[in-house]
Amino acid sequence: MTAGSTPTPGTATQAVPEPAPQEWCLARTYRSRLVEPGDLVVRYLGGQKTPGIVEIGRVTHAVEPPAGDEKPVVHYAAVTLRAPVARQVLKDDPVLAGCELIRLGRAANPLHLTPEETLALATHVTPEDLDRAGWPQG
């Protein structure tokens, strides 16, 4: 999961019919090395009027190792959710209330969702968006 406060151009304003290629900088932690092609991706935007999950998708390439002072970069393809999943929905869900995003708040990217948390999140996303993103449907 990546979290940020700056929308990608077009994010949260219009649904993208097919997963669009994107990239995001990650923190220089051991976790960046754990991200692999095919992993599921969740894009969370905080600092908005209604913070929440705005995109889902999959990692498309291995994480680019940092050069010099730069941060690792993850490449992924994601779709903008037709109905974002608000932070309050995550907090109210008994499984998601314990996820790193809620527990740790401003932790560095990437954050982790357990398989159970991923399945719980999928119940808050439309089947059409899950299908467009190539996500499993519970």
N, C-alpha and C. Protein backbone atom coordinates (compact mmCIF):
# COMPACT_ATOMS: atom_id res chain seq x y z
N MET A 1 0.85 -1.16 0.00
CA MET A 1 0.00 0.00 0.00
C MET A 1 0.90 1.22 0.00
N THR A 2 0.54 2.18 -0.81
CA THR A 2 1.23 3.46 -0.76
C THR A 2 0.27 4.51 -0.23
N ALA A 3 0.80 5.45 0.51
CA ALA A 3 -0.02 6.51 1.07
C ALA A 3 0.63 7.84 0.76
N GLY A 4 -0.19 8.83 0.52
CA GLY A 4 0.33 10.15 0.22
C GLY A 4 -0.75 11.19 0.34
N SER A 5 -0.38 12.44 0.14
CA SER A 5 -1.37 13.51 0.20
C SER A 5 -1.51 14.24 -1.12
N THR A 6 -0.70 13.86 -2.11
CA THR A 6 -0.76 14.53 -3.40
C THR A 6 -1.38 13.60 -4.43
N PRO A 7 -2.50 13.98 -5.02
CA PRO A 7 -3.11 13.13 -6.03
C PRO A 7 -2.25 13.04 -7.29
N THR A 8 -2.25 11.88 -7.89
CA THR A 8 -1.68 11.73 -9.23
C THR A 8 -2.61 12.46 -10.17
N PRO A 9 -2.13 13.12 -11.22
CA PRO A 9 -3.04 13.81 -12.13
C PRO A 9 -4.18 12.90 -12.57
N GLY A 10 -5.40 13.36 -12.36
CA GLY A 10 -6.58 12.59 -12.73
C GLY A 10 -7.09 11.70 -11.62
N THR A 11 -6.29 11.44 -10.59
CA THR A 11 -6.68 10.56 -9.50
C THR A 11 -7.84 11.17 -8.73
N ALA A 12 -8.77 10.33 -8.39
CA ALA A 12 -9.93 10.71 -7.58
C ALA A 12 -10.82 11.72 -8.28
N THR A 13 -10.62 11.93 -9.55
CA THR A 13 -11.50 12.83 -10.26
C THR A 13 -12.23 12.13 -11.40
N GLN A 14 -11.64 11.08 -11.92
CA GLN A 14 -12.29 10.37 -13.02
C GLN A 14 -11.87 8.91 -12.99
N ALA A 15 -12.79 8.03 -13.34
CA ALA A 15 -12.48 6.61 -13.39
C ALA A 15 -11.69 6.31 -14.65
N VAL A 16 -10.64 5.52 -14.49
CA VAL A 16 -9.83 5.10 -15.63
C VAL A 16 -10.32 3.71 -16.00
N PRO A 17 -10.72 3.48 -17.28
CA PRO A 17 -11.31 2.20 -17.64
C PRO A 17 -10.35 1.02 -17.53
N GLU A 18 -9.09 1.23 -17.81
CA GLU A 18 -8.08 0.17 -17.73
C GLU A 18 -6.98 0.62 -16.77
N PRO A 19 -6.27 -0.33 -16.16
CA PRO A 19 -5.18 0.06 -15.27
C PRO A 19 -4.16 0.95 -15.98
N ALA A 20 -3.86 2.07 -15.39
CA ALA A 20 -2.92 3.04 -15.97
C ALA A 20 -1.56 2.89 -15.30
N PRO A 21 -0.46 2.90 -16.09
CA PRO A 21 0.88 2.80 -15.50
C PRO A 21 1.19 4.03 -14.64
N GLN A 22 1.78 3.78 -13.48
CA GLN A 22 2.13 4.85 -12.56
C GLN A 22 3.38 4.46 -11.80
N GLU A 23 3.92 5.40 -11.05
CA GLU A 23 5.05 5.11 -10.19
C GLU A 23 4.93 5.92 -8.91
N TRP A 24 5.58 5.43 -7.86
CA TRP A 24 5.53 6.09 -6.57
C TRP A 24 6.84 5.83 -5.85
N CYS A 25 7.35 6.85 -5.18
CA CYS A 25 8.58 6.70 -4.39
C CYS A 25 8.27 6.02 -3.06
N LEU A 26 9.16 5.13 -2.66
CA LEU A 26 9.02 4.41 -1.40
C LEU A 26 10.11 4.87 -0.44
N ALA A 27 9.91 4.57 0.82
CA ALA A 27 10.94 4.87 1.82
C ALA A 27 12.11 3.91 1.65
N ARG A 28 13.25 4.32 2.09
CA ARG A 28 14.45 3.47 2.05
C ARG A 28 14.42 2.53 3.25
N THR A 29 13.59 1.50 3.18
CA THR A 29 13.52 0.51 4.25
C THR A 29 13.60 -0.87 3.63
N TYR A 30 13.79 -1.87 4.49
CA TYR A 30 13.83 -3.25 4.00
C TYR A 30 12.54 -3.63 3.29
N ARG A 31 11.44 -2.99 3.65
CA ARG A 31 10.15 -3.34 3.06
C ARG A 31 10.11 -3.06 1.56
N SER A 32 10.82 -2.07 1.11
CA SER A 32 10.84 -1.77 -0.33
C SER A 32 11.37 -2.95 -1.12
N ARG A 33 12.29 -3.70 -0.52
CA ARG A 33 12.85 -4.87 -1.21
C ARG A 33 11.90 -6.05 -1.22
N LEU A 34 10.84 -6.00 -0.44
CA LEU A 34 9.87 -7.10 -0.38
C LEU A 34 8.79 -6.99 -1.46
N VAL A 35 8.67 -5.82 -2.08
CA VAL A 35 7.64 -5.59 -3.10
C VAL A 35 8.06 -6.30 -4.39
N GLU A 36 7.12 -7.09 -4.96
CA GLU A 36 7.42 -7.87 -6.16
C GLU A 36 6.36 -7.63 -7.24
N PRO A 37 6.75 -7.85 -8.50
CA PRO A 37 5.76 -7.76 -9.58
C PRO A 37 4.58 -8.70 -9.30
N GLY A 38 3.38 -8.21 -9.55
CA GLY A 38 2.17 -8.99 -9.31
C GLY A 38 1.53 -8.71 -7.97
N ASP A 39 2.27 -8.12 -7.02
CA ASP A 39 1.68 -7.77 -5.73
C ASP A 39 0.53 -6.79 -5.94
N LEU A 40 -0.47 -6.90 -5.08
CA LEU A 40 -1.59 -5.97 -5.13
C LEU A 40 -1.16 -4.62 -4.57
N VAL A 41 -1.73 -3.55 -5.13
CA VAL A 41 -1.41 -2.19 -4.72
C VAL A 41 -2.68 -1.47 -4.31
N VAL A 42 -2.58 -0.70 -3.25
CA VAL A 42 -3.65 0.18 -2.79
C VAL A 42 -3.04 1.57 -2.70
N ARG A 43 -3.72 2.56 -3.24
CA ARG A 43 -3.24 3.95 -3.15
C ARG A 43 -4.19 4.71 -2.24
N TYR A 44 -3.65 5.21 -1.15
CA TYR A 44 -4.41 5.96 -0.15
C TYR A 44 -4.00 7.42 -0.22
N LEU A 45 -4.97 8.30 -0.24
CA LEU A 45 -4.68 9.74 -0.19
C LEU A 45 -5.20 10.31 1.12
N GLY A 46 -4.29 10.83 1.92
CA GLY A 46 -4.65 11.53 3.13
C GLY A 46 -4.62 13.02 2.83
N GLY A 47 -4.91 13.82 3.80
CA GLY A 47 -4.84 15.26 3.62
C GLY A 47 -5.91 15.80 2.69
N GLN A 48 -6.88 15.01 2.39
CA GLN A 48 -7.99 15.43 1.54
C GLN A 48 -9.19 15.74 2.44
N LYS A 49 -10.24 16.31 1.86
CA LYS A 49 -11.46 16.55 2.63
C LYS A 49 -11.97 15.23 3.20
N THR A 50 -11.96 14.19 2.36
CA THR A 50 -12.32 12.85 2.79
C THR A 50 -11.17 11.92 2.44
N PRO A 51 -10.21 11.71 3.35
CA PRO A 51 -9.10 10.82 3.04
C PRO A 51 -9.58 9.39 2.85
N GLY A 52 -8.89 8.66 1.98
CA GLY A 52 -9.27 7.27 1.77
C GLY A 52 -8.52 6.63 0.62
N ILE A 53 -8.90 5.41 0.33
CA ILE A 53 -8.29 4.64 -0.75
C ILE A 53 -8.95 5.06 -2.05
N VAL A 54 -8.13 5.49 -3.00
CA VAL A 54 -8.65 6.02 -4.26
C VAL A 54 -8.29 5.17 -5.47
N GLU A 55 -7.29 4.30 -5.34
CA GLU A 55 -6.87 3.45 -6.45
C GLU A 55 -6.49 2.07 -5.94
N ILE A 56 -6.68 1.07 -6.81
CA ILE A 56 -6.17 -0.28 -6.56
C ILE A 56 -5.55 -0.78 -7.85
N GLY A 57 -4.63 -1.70 -7.72
CA GLY A 57 -3.98 -2.25 -8.91
C GLY A 57 -2.96 -3.30 -8.54
N ARG A 58 -1.93 -3.42 -9.42
CA ARG A 58 -0.87 -4.41 -9.22
C ARG A 58 0.49 -3.81 -9.55
N VAL A 59 1.52 -4.29 -8.86
CA VAL A 59 2.90 -3.92 -9.16
C VAL A 59 3.25 -4.53 -10.51
N THR A 60 3.88 -3.74 -11.39
CA THR A 60 4.19 -4.21 -12.74
C THR A 60 5.66 -4.56 -12.95
N HIS A 61 6.56 -3.99 -12.15
CA HIS A 61 8.00 -4.23 -12.31
C HIS A 61 8.65 -4.32 -10.94
N ALA A 62 9.82 -4.91 -10.90
CA ALA A 62 10.59 -4.92 -9.66
C ALA A 62 10.87 -3.48 -9.24
N VAL A 63 10.97 -3.26 -7.95
CA VAL A 63 11.26 -1.93 -7.42
C VAL A 63 12.65 -1.51 -7.91
N GLU A 64 12.73 -0.28 -8.42
CA GLU A 64 14.02 0.27 -8.86
C GLU A 64 14.84 0.63 -7.63
N PRO A 65 16.04 0.04 -7.51
CA PRO A 65 16.86 0.42 -6.36
C PRO A 65 17.26 1.88 -6.45
N PRO A 66 17.44 2.51 -5.30
CA PRO A 66 17.78 3.93 -5.31
C PRO A 66 19.20 4.18 -5.82
N ALA A 67 19.37 5.31 -6.47
CA ALA A 67 20.69 5.76 -6.92
C ALA A 67 21.03 7.01 -6.13
N GLY A 68 22.16 6.99 -5.47
CA GLY A 68 22.57 8.16 -4.70
C GLY A 68 21.60 8.46 -3.58
N ASP A 69 21.09 9.68 -3.54
CA ASP A 69 20.18 10.10 -2.49
C ASP A 69 18.72 9.85 -2.83
N GLU A 70 18.46 9.26 -4.00
CA GLU A 70 17.07 9.05 -4.42
C GLU A 70 16.43 7.91 -3.64
N LYS A 71 15.10 7.87 -3.70
CA LYS A 71 14.34 6.82 -3.03
C LYS A 71 14.01 5.71 -4.02
N PRO A 72 13.73 4.49 -3.51
CA PRO A 72 13.30 3.42 -4.41
C PRO A 72 11.97 3.81 -5.06
N VAL A 73 11.75 3.33 -6.28
CA VAL A 73 10.52 3.64 -7.02
C VAL A 73 9.81 2.33 -7.37
N VAL A 74 8.51 2.30 -7.10
CA VAL A 74 7.69 1.15 -7.49
C VAL A 74 6.86 1.55 -8.70
N HIS A 75 6.80 0.67 -9.69
CA HIS A 75 5.96 0.87 -10.87
C HIS A 75 4.74 -0.03 -10.73
N TYR A 76 3.59 0.54 -11.00
CA TYR A 76 2.36 -0.24 -10.86
C TYR A 76 1.33 0.25 -11.87
N ALA A 77 0.31 -0.56 -12.07
CA ALA A 77 -0.83 -0.17 -12.90
C ALA A 77 -2.05 -0.19 -11.99
N ALA A 78 -2.82 0.89 -12.01
CA ALA A 78 -3.95 1.01 -11.10
C ALA A 78 -5.14 1.65 -11.78
N VAL A 79 -6.30 1.38 -11.21
CA VAL A 79 -7.53 2.03 -11.66
C VAL A 79 -8.03 2.93 -10.53
N THR A 80 -8.61 4.04 -10.91
CA THR A 80 -9.24 4.93 -9.94
C THR A 80 -10.58 4.32 -9.55
N LEU A 81 -10.83 4.21 -8.27
CA LEU A 81 -12.09 3.64 -7.81
C LEU A 81 -13.23 4.59 -8.12
N ARG A 82 -14.32 4.03 -8.57
CA ARG A 82 -15.51 4.84 -8.84
C ARG A 82 -16.07 5.40 -7.54
N ALA A 83 -15.90 4.63 -6.47
CA ALA A 83 -16.33 5.06 -5.14
C ALA A 83 -15.16 4.82 -4.18
N PRO A 84 -14.36 5.86 -3.89
CA PRO A 84 -13.23 5.68 -2.96
C PRO A 84 -13.70 5.10 -1.63
N VAL A 85 -12.79 4.41 -0.95
CA VAL A 85 -13.08 3.83 0.36
C VAL A 85 -12.54 4.80 1.41
N ALA A 86 -13.45 5.48 2.07
CA ALA A 86 -13.07 6.52 3.04
C ALA A 86 -12.35 5.93 4.25
N ARG A 87 -11.46 6.73 4.82
CA ARG A 87 -10.73 6.32 6.03
C ARG A 87 -11.69 5.87 7.13
N GLN A 88 -12.81 6.56 7.26
CA GLN A 88 -13.77 6.19 8.31
C GLN A 88 -14.32 4.78 8.08
N VAL A 89 -14.50 4.39 6.82
CA VAL A 89 -14.96 3.03 6.51
C VAL A 89 -13.90 2.02 6.98
N LEU A 90 -12.63 2.33 6.74
CA LEU A 90 -11.54 1.45 7.20
C LEU A 90 -11.56 1.34 8.72
N LYS A 91 -11.74 2.46 9.41
CA LYS A 91 -11.75 2.47 10.87
C LYS A 91 -12.95 1.72 11.43
N ASP A 92 -14.08 1.75 10.71
CA ASP A 92 -15.30 1.10 11.19
C ASP A 92 -15.33 -0.40 10.89
N ASP A 93 -14.50 -0.87 9.97
CA ASP A 93 -14.46 -2.29 9.63
C ASP A 93 -13.65 -3.02 10.70
N PRO A 94 -14.21 -4.08 11.32
CA PRO A 94 -13.49 -4.74 12.41
C PRO A 94 -12.14 -5.35 12.01
N VAL A 95 -11.98 -5.74 10.77
CA VAL A 95 -10.70 -6.29 10.31
C VAL A 95 -9.74 -5.17 9.94
N LEU A 96 -10.21 -4.20 9.18
CA LEU A 96 -9.35 -3.12 8.70
C LEU A 96 -8.96 -2.12 9.78
N ALA A 97 -9.72 -2.06 10.86
CA ALA A 97 -9.40 -1.13 11.95
C ALA A 97 -8.01 -1.39 12.53
N GLY A 98 -7.52 -2.61 12.38
CA GLY A 98 -6.20 -2.95 12.90
C GLY A 98 -5.09 -2.88 11.88
N CYS A 99 -5.39 -2.44 10.65
CA CYS A 99 -4.36 -2.41 9.60
C CYS A 99 -3.32 -1.32 9.90
N GLU A 100 -2.14 -1.48 9.31
CA GLU A 100 -1.05 -0.52 9.57
C GLU A 100 -1.43 0.92 9.26
N LEU A 101 -2.18 1.12 8.21
CA LEU A 101 -2.55 2.49 7.84
C LEU A 101 -3.30 3.18 8.97
N ILE A 102 -4.19 2.46 9.62
CA ILE A 102 -4.98 3.05 10.71
C ILE A 102 -4.15 3.08 12.00
N ARG A 103 -3.46 2.00 12.31
CA ARG A 103 -2.69 1.93 13.56
C ARG A 103 -1.49 2.87 13.59
N LEU A 104 -0.77 2.96 12.44
CA LEU A 104 0.49 3.69 12.42
C LEU A 104 0.38 5.10 11.87
N GLY A 105 -0.74 5.40 11.23
CA GLY A 105 -0.94 6.75 10.73
C GLY A 105 0.05 7.18 9.68
N ARG A 106 1.08 7.89 10.07
CA ARG A 106 2.03 8.48 9.13
C ARG A 106 3.28 7.62 8.91
N ALA A 107 3.13 6.33 8.90
CA ALA A 107 4.28 5.44 8.67
C ALA A 107 4.76 5.57 7.23
N ALA A 108 6.01 5.21 7.01
CA ALA A 108 6.62 5.31 5.69
C ALA A 108 6.11 4.22 4.75
N ASN A 109 6.06 4.53 3.47
CA ASN A 109 5.67 3.57 2.44
C ASN A 109 6.79 2.57 2.21
N PRO A 110 6.50 1.34 1.86
CA PRO A 110 5.16 0.80 1.69
C PRO A 110 4.60 0.26 3.01
N LEU A 111 3.31 0.36 3.14
CA LEU A 111 2.60 -0.26 4.26
C LEU A 111 2.12 -1.63 3.80
N HIS A 112 1.73 -2.46 4.74
CA HIS A 112 1.35 -3.84 4.42
C HIS A 112 -0.09 -4.10 4.83
N LEU A 113 -0.82 -4.81 3.96
CA LEU A 113 -2.13 -5.36 4.32
C LEU A 113 -1.97 -6.87 4.39
N THR A 114 -2.51 -7.48 5.43
CA THR A 114 -2.51 -8.94 5.53
C THR A 114 -3.49 -9.50 4.50
N PRO A 115 -3.43 -10.80 4.22
CA PRO A 115 -4.43 -11.38 3.31
C PRO A 115 -5.86 -11.14 3.82
N GLU A 116 -6.07 -11.24 5.13
CA GLU A 116 -7.41 -11.02 5.69
C GLU A 116 -7.85 -9.57 5.49
N GLU A 117 -6.93 -8.64 5.69
CA GLU A 117 -7.26 -7.22 5.49
C GLU A 117 -7.55 -6.92 4.02
N THR A 118 -6.81 -7.57 3.13
CA THR A 118 -7.04 -7.38 1.70
C THR A 118 -8.44 -7.86 1.32
N LEU A 119 -8.82 -9.03 1.82
CA LEU A 119 -10.17 -9.55 1.55
C LEU A 119 -11.24 -8.62 2.13
N ALA A 120 -10.99 -8.10 3.33
CA ALA A 120 -11.96 -7.17 3.93
C ALA A 120 -12.07 -5.90 3.10
N LEU A 121 -10.95 -5.39 2.62
CA LEU A 121 -10.98 -4.19 1.78
C LEU A 121 -11.78 -4.45 0.51
N ALA A 122 -11.59 -5.62 -0.08
CA ALA A 122 -12.29 -5.95 -1.33
C ALA A 122 -13.81 -5.90 -1.16
N THR A 123 -14.32 -6.12 0.05
CA THR A 123 -15.77 -6.06 0.25
C THR A 123 -16.30 -4.64 0.16
N HIS A 124 -15.41 -3.65 0.23
CA HIS A 124 -15.80 -2.24 0.15
C HIS A 124 -15.58 -1.64 -1.24
N VAL A 125 -15.14 -2.47 -2.17
CA VAL A 125 -14.86 -2.04 -3.54
C VAL A 125 -15.85 -2.73 -4.46
N THR A 126 -16.34 -2.03 -5.48
CA THR A 126 -17.31 -2.63 -6.38
C THR A 126 -16.68 -3.79 -7.15
N PRO A 127 -17.47 -4.82 -7.48
CA PRO A 127 -16.95 -5.93 -8.28
C PRO A 127 -16.36 -5.44 -9.61
N GLU A 128 -16.96 -4.41 -10.19
CA GLU A 128 -16.46 -3.88 -11.46
C GLU A 128 -15.05 -3.30 -11.28
N ASP A 129 -14.82 -2.56 -10.20
CA ASP A 129 -13.49 -2.00 -9.96
C ASP A 129 -12.48 -3.10 -9.65
N LEU A 130 -12.88 -4.11 -8.89
CA LEU A 130 -11.98 -5.23 -8.62
C LEU A 130 -11.58 -5.91 -9.93
N ASP A 131 -12.55 -6.11 -10.80
CA ASP A 131 -12.29 -6.76 -12.09
C ASP A 131 -11.37 -5.90 -12.95
N ARG A 132 -11.65 -4.59 -13.02
CA ARG A 132 -10.82 -3.69 -13.83
C ARG A 132 -9.37 -3.68 -13.35
N ALA A 133 -9.17 -3.82 -12.05
CA ALA A 133 -7.83 -3.76 -11.48
C ALA A 133 -7.12 -5.11 -11.47
N GLY A 134 -7.85 -6.17 -11.82
CA GLY A 134 -7.24 -7.50 -11.79
C GLY A 134 -7.09 -8.05 -10.38
N TRP A 135 -7.96 -7.60 -9.48
CA TRP A 135 -7.93 -8.07 -8.10
C TRP A 135 -8.86 -9.27 -7.95
N PRO A 136 -8.54 -10.17 -7.01
CA PRO A 136 -9.44 -11.31 -6.75
C PRO A 136 -10.74 -10.83 -6.10
N GLN A 137 -11.80 -11.54 -6.39
CA GLN A 137 -13.10 -11.22 -5.79
C GLN A 137 -13.46 -12.32 -4.81
N GLY A 138 -13.24 -11.99 -3.51
CA GLY A 138 -13.50 -12.87 -2.38
C GLY A 138 -14.14 -14.11 -2.72
